[in-house]
Amino acid sequence: MSHSSPELTSPRSPRVAAVKRLHSSRGRRDSHLFLAEGPQSVREALHHPDVVKEIYLSVTATETCRDLASAASALVTLVTDDVLTAMGETQVPQGILAICSFITQPLDQVIHAGSSMIVIIDGAGDPGNVGTIIRTAHAAGADGLVITRDSVDPHNGKCVRATAGSLFHLPIATGAEPEQIASLARAVGLLIAVTAADGDTDLYELVSRNPRQGIAWILGSEAHGVSEEMRALADLSVTIPMFGAAESLNVGSAAAICLYSDAAARHGLTRGPIQAS
C-alpha cells in the first residue's frame, strides 16, 4: 500500500472526535461500534470482513500493518502519528486501528444443541479478567461464552486487548438474565456448574465422570464470586482443590484450570499414574 501523504493530520478533526467517542460505553452502545487496536487485533478482526468498517493506518506503520491494510476491503485512511495517538486508548499506538461493528450474538445462537462447553461470566467488572477468560475459553475449545447483564462490556478497549483477538472467533452473547441462561442450558442438556471456594463437588471428580455431560461453567467476579441467583439456579457447585496454602485463585486462573481440566478429559488426554522404568 502506498501513499504520498496522510489524509488526516489534525488530532482535533471531527473524525478523530467520532473515533474517541468509542472509548466510552455510551459511545459504543449508541453506535454499535468499537475499536480494535494493533496488528494482532486487526488481523483477527479481518477474518470477518463484514465486522471491520474502517481502518486508520499510521504513516510510520510497520510493513505488517501496511500489509493488513492492503488486504482489507474496508476504507483505509492514512493518518499522522499524532492523529492515531489521539484516536487510540493505548499510550503507545501500534500503527493501525480498526473501527468494528459489535460481534455479539443472540443467546440461542451461543447456547445450542450440541454444545459441550459453555462459559458464563456472571457479574465480572474487570475488563482485563473478562478478556483473559474469553481468550482462555477460545483456547480450551469452548463452544460459546455468555456475559450477564451486570458484567463488563466485552467491547471495552482493555477487554478487547486482553482477548488477543479471540473476541473475533468465539460466539459471545451479552445482557442475558440468569433464568434465561439456565433454562436454555438445561434445554440443550448442559450441566450447570458454578465455581466456588466452598463448592461441594471436587473439580477432578466432576470431569472424570463417565458418561460425560456437557457443562456450562459459571465464573463470578473477583471480589464477590458467583451471584446468589446464579448459585440457586445451578445443578452443583465446584471447587478447585488447593494443594498449597494459598487462600484463593484469581478468576482467570480458576477459569483456565476448570476449562482445561474439562477439555483434557473430554478429549481423552488425562493420564494414569507415571510408572517407574
Protein backbone atom coordinates (compact mmCIF):
# COMPACT_ATOMS: atom_id res chain seq x y z
CA MET A 1 0.00 0.00 0.00
CA SER A 2 1.49 3.33 -0.98
CA HIS A 3 0.52 6.87 -0.02
CA SER A 4 2.44 10.08 -0.64
CA SER A 5 0.95 11.96 2.30
CA PRO A 6 -1.52 11.42 5.17
CA GLU A 7 -5.17 12.16 4.53
CA LEU A 8 -5.84 13.12 8.16
CA THR A 9 -3.37 15.33 10.01
CA SER A 10 -5.28 17.16 12.77
CA PRO A 11 -5.93 15.49 16.14
CA ARG A 12 -8.82 17.97 16.52
CA SER A 13 -10.63 16.70 13.44
CA PRO A 14 -14.32 15.74 13.85
CA ARG A 15 -13.37 12.26 12.59
CA VAL A 16 -10.93 11.89 15.47
CA ALA A 17 -13.61 13.03 17.91
CA ALA A 18 -16.01 10.44 16.48
CA VAL A 19 -13.47 7.66 17.00
CA LYS A 20 -12.68 8.85 20.53
CA ARG A 21 -16.36 8.57 21.45
CA LEU A 22 -15.91 4.81 21.15
CA HIS A 23 -13.70 4.92 24.25
CA SER A 24 -16.88 5.22 26.34
CA SER A 25 -19.51 2.56 26.90
CA ARG A 26 -22.22 5.02 25.88
CA GLY A 27 -20.44 5.88 22.64
CA ARG A 28 -20.10 2.21 21.78
CA ARG A 29 -23.67 1.42 22.74
CA ASP A 30 -25.14 4.30 20.70
CA SER A 31 -23.17 3.43 17.56
CA HIS A 32 -22.79 -0.36 17.94
CA LEU A 33 -19.13 0.16 17.06
CA PHE A 34 -15.87 -0.45 18.93
CA LEU A 35 -12.11 -0.20 18.44
CA ALA A 36 -9.56 -2.89 17.64
CA GLU A 37 -6.04 -1.54 18.13
CA GLY A 38 -2.77 -3.00 16.92
CA PRO A 39 -1.88 -5.59 14.28
CA GLN A 40 -2.93 -8.66 16.27
CA SER A 41 -6.46 -7.47 16.99
CA VAL A 42 -6.91 -6.06 13.48
CA ARG A 43 -5.61 -9.25 11.86
CA GLU A 44 -8.15 -11.37 13.77
CA ALA A 45 -10.95 -8.89 13.05
CA LEU A 46 -10.22 -9.15 9.33
CA HIS A 47 -11.13 -12.84 9.43
CA HIS A 48 -14.67 -11.40 9.44
CA PRO A 49 -14.56 -8.67 6.74
CA ASP A 50 -18.11 -7.56 7.42
CA VAL A 51 -17.13 -6.66 11.00
CA VAL A 52 -14.40 -4.17 10.03
CA LYS A 53 -15.95 -0.88 8.92
CA GLU A 54 -12.91 1.38 8.64
CA ILE A 55 -9.15 1.27 9.18
CA TYR A 56 -6.77 4.05 10.20
CA LEU A 57 -3.11 3.47 9.34
CA SER A 58 -0.18 5.50 10.65
CA VAL A 59 2.37 6.97 8.23
CA THR A 60 5.07 5.21 10.28
CA ALA A 61 3.26 1.86 10.46
CA THR A 62 5.29 -1.32 10.08
CA GLU A 63 5.18 -3.42 6.94
CA THR A 64 2.96 -5.89 8.81
CA CYS A 65 0.37 -3.18 9.46
CA ARG A 66 0.57 -1.91 5.89
CA ASP A 67 0.01 -5.44 4.56
CA LEU A 68 -3.07 -5.80 6.75
CA ALA A 69 -4.47 -2.52 5.46
CA SER A 70 -3.80 -3.57 1.88
CA ALA A 71 -5.72 -6.80 2.36
CA ALA A 72 -8.76 -5.09 3.91
CA SER A 73 -11.93 -4.42 1.94
CA ALA A 74 -12.88 -1.58 4.31
CA LEU A 75 -12.00 2.08 3.76
CA VAL A 76 -8.37 2.77 4.79
CA THR A 77 -7.30 6.26 5.87
CA LEU A 78 -3.64 7.19 6.28
CA VAL A 79 -3.05 9.40 9.33
CA THR A 80 -0.20 11.03 11.20
CA ASP A 81 1.16 9.50 14.40
CA ASP A 82 -0.43 12.32 16.43
CA VAL A 83 -3.84 11.52 14.99
CA LEU A 84 -3.55 7.78 15.68
CA THR A 85 -2.41 8.52 19.24
CA ALA A 86 -5.43 10.77 19.76
CA MET A 87 -7.78 8.11 18.38
CA GLY A 88 -6.46 5.16 20.38
CA GLU A 89 -6.80 4.21 24.03
CA THR A 90 -3.23 2.97 24.49
CA GLN A 91 -0.34 5.29 25.25
CA VAL A 92 1.86 3.68 22.62
CA PRO A 93 -0.03 3.34 19.29
CA GLN A 94 0.78 0.22 17.28
CA GLY A 95 0.38 1.70 13.80
CA ILE A 96 -3.11 0.51 12.94
CA LEU A 97 -6.62 0.84 14.33
CA ALA A 98 -9.91 -0.60 13.08
CA ILE A 99 -13.48 0.51 13.66
CA CYS A 100 -15.55 -2.67 14.09
CA SER A 101 -19.23 -3.46 14.46
CA PHE A 102 -20.38 -5.35 17.55
CA ILE A 103 -19.61 -9.06 17.45
CA THR A 104 -22.17 -10.32 19.99
CA GLN A 105 -24.87 -12.83 19.03
CA PRO A 106 -28.31 -13.83 20.34
CA LEU A 107 -28.24 -16.18 23.33
CA ASP A 108 -29.81 -19.09 21.44
CA GLN A 109 -27.03 -18.92 18.84
CA VAL A 110 -24.41 -19.25 21.56
CA ILE A 111 -26.05 -21.96 23.70
CA HIS A 112 -27.43 -24.54 21.31
CA ALA A 113 -27.90 -28.27 20.81
CA GLY A 114 -24.54 -30.00 20.51
CA SER A 115 -22.74 -27.60 22.87
CA SER A 116 -20.31 -29.40 25.16
CA MET A 117 -18.61 -26.47 26.91
CA ILE A 118 -20.16 -23.07 27.53
CA VAL A 119 -18.62 -20.37 29.72
CA ILE A 120 -20.82 -17.92 31.64
CA ILE A 121 -19.30 -14.80 33.20
CA ASP A 122 -21.54 -13.56 35.99
CA GLY A 123 -21.15 -10.05 37.33
CA ALA A 124 -17.45 -9.61 36.50
CA GLY A 125 -16.44 -5.95 36.32
CA ASP A 126 -12.74 -6.11 35.49
CA PRO A 127 -12.23 -5.91 31.70
CA GLY A 128 -8.78 -7.48 31.91
CA ASN A 129 -10.15 -10.53 33.69
CA VAL A 130 -13.08 -10.86 31.29
CA GLY A 131 -10.73 -10.56 28.29
CA THR A 132 -8.45 -13.23 29.76
CA ILE A 133 -11.39 -15.59 30.27
CA ILE A 134 -12.55 -15.05 26.67
CA ARG A 135 -9.06 -15.87 25.42
CA THR A 136 -8.84 -18.94 27.66
CA ALA A 137 -12.30 -20.18 26.63
CA HIS A 138 -11.35 -19.88 22.96
CA ALA A 139 -8.08 -21.74 23.53
CA ALA A 140 -9.79 -24.51 25.51
CA GLY A 141 -12.29 -25.13 22.72
CA ALA A 142 -15.43 -23.71 24.34
CA ASP A 143 -18.48 -23.58 22.09
CA GLY A 144 -19.51 -20.14 23.28
CA LEU A 145 -19.49 -17.62 26.10
CA VAL A 146 -22.24 -15.64 27.83
CA ILE A 147 -21.75 -12.42 29.79
CA THR A 148 -24.55 -11.48 32.17
CA ARG A 149 -26.26 -8.10 32.18
CA ASP A 150 -24.24 -6.71 35.11
CA SER A 151 -20.80 -7.63 33.74
CA VAL A 152 -18.31 -5.54 31.81
CA ASP A 153 -18.90 -4.81 28.11
CA PRO A 154 -16.71 -7.20 26.06
CA HIS A 155 -16.17 -4.38 23.52
CA ASN A 156 -14.38 -2.34 26.19
CA GLY A 157 -10.90 -1.47 24.89
CA LYS A 158 -8.97 -3.15 27.72
CA CYS A 159 -11.12 -6.26 27.35
CA VAL A 160 -10.60 -6.36 23.57
CA ARG A 161 -6.82 -6.14 24.00
CA ALA A 162 -6.81 -8.82 26.72
CA THR A 163 -8.57 -11.29 24.40
CA ALA A 164 -5.60 -11.10 21.96
CA GLY A 165 -8.02 -11.50 19.05
CA SER A 166 -10.12 -14.33 20.49
CA LEU A 167 -13.08 -11.95 20.73
CA PHE A 168 -13.50 -12.29 16.96
CA HIS A 169 -13.64 -16.09 16.97
CA LEU A 170 -15.72 -17.17 19.98
CA PRO A 171 -19.53 -16.81 19.84
CA ILE A 172 -20.48 -14.37 22.63
CA ALA A 173 -23.85 -13.25 23.99
CA THR A 174 -24.35 -10.38 26.44
CA GLY A 175 -27.07 -8.99 28.67
CA ALA A 176 -28.80 -12.29 29.39
CA GLU A 177 -30.86 -12.87 32.53
CA PRO A 178 -29.79 -15.77 34.80
CA GLU A 179 -33.09 -17.62 34.37
CA GLN A 180 -32.83 -17.34 30.57
CA ILE A 181 -29.33 -18.79 30.64
CA ALA A 182 -30.22 -21.66 32.97
CA SER A 183 -33.38 -22.55 31.05
CA LEU A 184 -31.61 -22.68 27.71
CA ALA A 185 -28.61 -24.56 29.10
CA ARG A 186 -30.87 -27.27 30.53
CA ALA A 187 -32.91 -27.45 27.35
CA VAL A 188 -29.80 -28.42 25.37
CA GLY A 189 -28.63 -30.92 28.00
CA LEU A 190 -25.89 -28.97 29.76
CA LEU A 191 -25.00 -29.44 33.41
CA ILE A 192 -24.81 -26.03 35.14
CA ALA A 193 -21.74 -25.79 37.38
CA VAL A 194 -20.81 -22.76 39.44
CA THR A 195 -17.25 -22.35 40.64
CA ALA A 196 -16.93 -21.57 44.35
CA ALA A 197 -14.31 -21.85 47.08
CA ASP A 198 -16.91 -23.64 49.22
CA GLY A 199 -18.20 -25.86 46.42
CA ASP A 200 -19.40 -29.35 47.31
CA THR A 201 -18.07 -31.14 44.20
CA ASP A 202 -14.37 -31.64 43.51
CA LEU A 203 -13.36 -30.40 40.03
CA TYR A 204 -11.45 -33.55 39.14
CA GLU A 205 -14.27 -35.81 40.31
CA LEU A 206 -16.66 -33.91 38.06
CA VAL A 207 -14.58 -34.02 34.89
CA SER A 208 -13.77 -37.72 35.34
CA ARG A 209 -17.44 -38.76 35.32
CA ASN A 210 -18.42 -41.26 32.65
CA PRO A 211 -20.52 -40.86 30.58
CA ARG A 212 -19.65 -37.20 30.15
CA GLN A 213 -22.25 -34.46 30.08
CA GLY A 214 -21.73 -31.03 28.55
CA ILE A 215 -21.05 -28.33 31.14
CA ALA A 216 -22.00 -24.69 31.42
CA TRP A 217 -19.24 -23.25 33.63
CA ILE A 218 -20.27 -20.18 35.65
CA LEU A 219 -17.48 -17.88 36.82
CA GLY A 220 -18.12 -14.91 39.09
CA SER A 221 -16.45 -11.63 39.92
CA GLU A 222 -13.06 -11.43 41.57
CA ALA A 223 -14.49 -9.77 44.68
CA HIS A 224 -17.88 -11.44 45.17
CA GLY A 225 -17.85 -14.69 43.22
CA VAL A 226 -20.96 -16.04 41.54
CA SER A 227 -24.22 -14.30 42.45
CA GLU A 228 -26.70 -15.96 44.78
CA GLU A 229 -29.24 -16.01 41.93
CA MET A 230 -26.88 -17.99 39.71
CA ARG A 231 -25.89 -20.32 42.54
CA ALA A 232 -29.55 -21.09 43.18
CA LEU A 233 -30.07 -21.99 39.51
CA ALA A 234 -27.01 -24.24 39.23
CA ASP A 235 -27.00 -28.03 39.38
CA LEU A 236 -23.86 -28.16 41.50
CA SER A 237 -21.04 -26.02 42.88
CA VAL A 238 -17.48 -26.98 42.03
CA THR A 239 -14.32 -26.34 43.99
CA ILE A 240 -10.73 -26.48 42.77
CA PRO A 241 -8.59 -28.45 45.24
CA MET A 242 -5.92 -26.30 46.87
CA PHE A 243 -2.72 -28.25 47.43
CA GLY A 244 -0.79 -25.31 48.83
CA ALA A 245 -1.50 -22.69 51.47
CA ALA A 246 -2.96 -20.02 49.13
CA GLU A 247 -6.42 -18.88 50.16
CA SER A 248 -7.86 -18.42 46.67
CA LEU A 249 -7.18 -18.13 42.95
CA ASN A 250 -7.53 -15.26 40.51
CA VAL A 251 -10.71 -15.77 38.44
CA GLY A 252 -8.65 -16.01 35.25
CA SER A 253 -6.52 -18.78 36.76
CA ALA A 254 -9.61 -20.58 38.04
CA ALA A 255 -11.16 -20.39 34.59
CA ALA A 256 -8.05 -21.86 32.96
CA ILE A 257 -7.90 -24.76 35.42
CA CYS A 258 -11.60 -25.64 35.09
CA LEU A 259 -11.81 -25.30 31.32
CA TYR A 260 -8.60 -27.17 30.56
CA SER A 261 -9.44 -29.94 33.04
CA ASP A 262 -12.80 -30.32 31.28
CA ALA A 263 -11.23 -30.17 27.80
CA ALA A 264 -8.47 -32.66 28.65
CA ALA A 265 -10.98 -35.20 29.98
CA ARG A 266 -13.35 -34.61 27.06
CA HIS A 267 -10.55 -35.26 24.56
CA GLY A 268 -9.24 -38.29 26.43
CA LEU A 269 -5.97 -36.61 27.33
CA THR A 270 -5.92 -37.43 31.02
CA ARG A 271 -3.23 -39.92 32.04
CA GLY A 272 -2.90 -42.51 34.71
CA PRO A 273 0.00 -42.58 37.23
CA ILE A 274 3.50 -42.46 35.75
CA GLN A 275 5.15 -45.84 36.08
CA ALA A 276 8.78 -46.08 37.13
CA SER A 277 11.01 -47.68 34.50
